[in-house]
């Protein structure tokens, strides 16, 4: 046991060091985790059977918590808005990718069975990796982020159906078909049971547990493990169960408290998934299959995004939204690896095919990580070539009405902090233009008749429409340091530069932004300390005793809860 502790600790330390080095060069952390796994595998570490079993067990926890949080942060009203779009995009991409992939593999002289398996496998993209990257970029709540998660879940559903089909039909007899039908019926029962519990029992139980954050956390973890286990017992998958467990809690008032407690667990356990992915890589058959590995990797990195670009452009989205969503499918999924491994287990595929798909998986995961992380800068370079993917009539508009702004305040981000700033500026009679990329918040802005631009400030169209050169003040509540640096660089070259307030999570970031030209840097946790100190003055304590401060604060909180939930 001591040796297992030492080996796992060593790998985590190596993963941390590599992740920090890559983060220094603005690369995603997960690349460092995968490299740590590859190095550990090459050095012969963690190949002891019991230890590898422990790692696999821990990685399942990571996948479980990732999909639980995806379900937890899903909103039913958003499914109504983006569900059809996600379904069309997801199914369309699967159909086109599988057809083109099958033709490529046939040309490369693979057998029908091998081409069929691999063509299906490469249609799936990794929800785990994409959600992790979008979370790091803080783009999960953007329009393209919501659509992306939607069509990735469609892919996951098809992937799970494919796994069930292979398992149930591998015997090719009537018993296999009956088994498949049984699993489908059990899946429908599980979904219906989850919906019933979510509406009638879960809210009451979690309301009682919310009196203690510790109890709420323990109950949440227990809930996701129980539902995931039940799904696995019924012949579905732990991933589907975890997702359903999250969906069942998505509309609870305590959803934010649950998510904030579970995220550290996700961040820890998902490291084991990526490390194990690197360890499992085998160089044995790769050299003999360099041509198909190269062809398939290029097709997934370039062809898959082109397919999604075309579909979303046809649906009427702006080319930027289509592009950022499209590059998220430039890798294959863990389900792809599971599918070919299962094909090998039932005797349909050789070990060479499994190694080939694993190599394609690693190459495309590494490549797509760079694409997603640097999506905005890549779009700027490729924008002029993407016009063919944008229709004249679009369903996505960046503003509600055209206005000529001058001497105005541009507020970037209207979340909790941004909304408070907007209210204060509104009291002062300022002309305000809000830039926001979260569709849910934009709906509130529209309802409140706030002047807004719907999109990301790094979007050239948004930047131009905001008339920054005529603004008197720019306030950004965005925490993404790369977006903030890009904003400061763009404002610095304007002939008439407005005052610029930006936001930083820490002091080091604030010093950096001051060097890059910010006039003031908001550090929320420091400002909150100053605010509490102000509340403790003799004058304010008198207002507390009168009950005025309590009454005003309570009214503000109720108003915000009504608007943002």
Foldseek 3Di string as FASTA:
>chain_A
DVVLVVLVVVLVVQLVVQLVVVVVVVFHSLLSLLVSLQVCLVVVHQPPVVSLVVLVVLQVLLLLLLLLLLLQQDDPVVCVVQVVVLLLLLVLLQVVQLVVQLVVVVVVPDDNLLSNLLSNQLSAFALSLLSSLCVLQVNCQFPLNVSLNNNNVVSVVVLQLLVLLCVLCLVVDPRSVVLSVQLVVVVVVLLVVLQVCLPPPVLVVLVVQVVDLVSNQVVLVVQLVVQLVSNVVSVGHSSVSSNSSSNSNNPHPCSVSNSVSSVVSSVVSNSSVSSSLSSPADPVLCVVCVVVLVVSLCCLQPVQLVSQLQSVQVQFADSLSSNLSSLSRSAGYPSSLVSVVSCVVSPNDDVSSSNSNSSSRSSSSSVSSVCNSCVLVVCVVCVVVSPVSHDPHHPDFFWDDADDDAQAEEEEDCDPVNVVVVVVCVVVVGQYEYEYRRPLVVVLCVVVVHGYTHDACSPPVNVVSVPQQRYQEYEYADARLVSLLSVLVVQVPRPRHHAYEYEYCDDVSQVVSVVSPHPYYDHPVVVVVVVVVVCPDPVNVVVVVVVNVVVVVVVVVVVSVVRRD
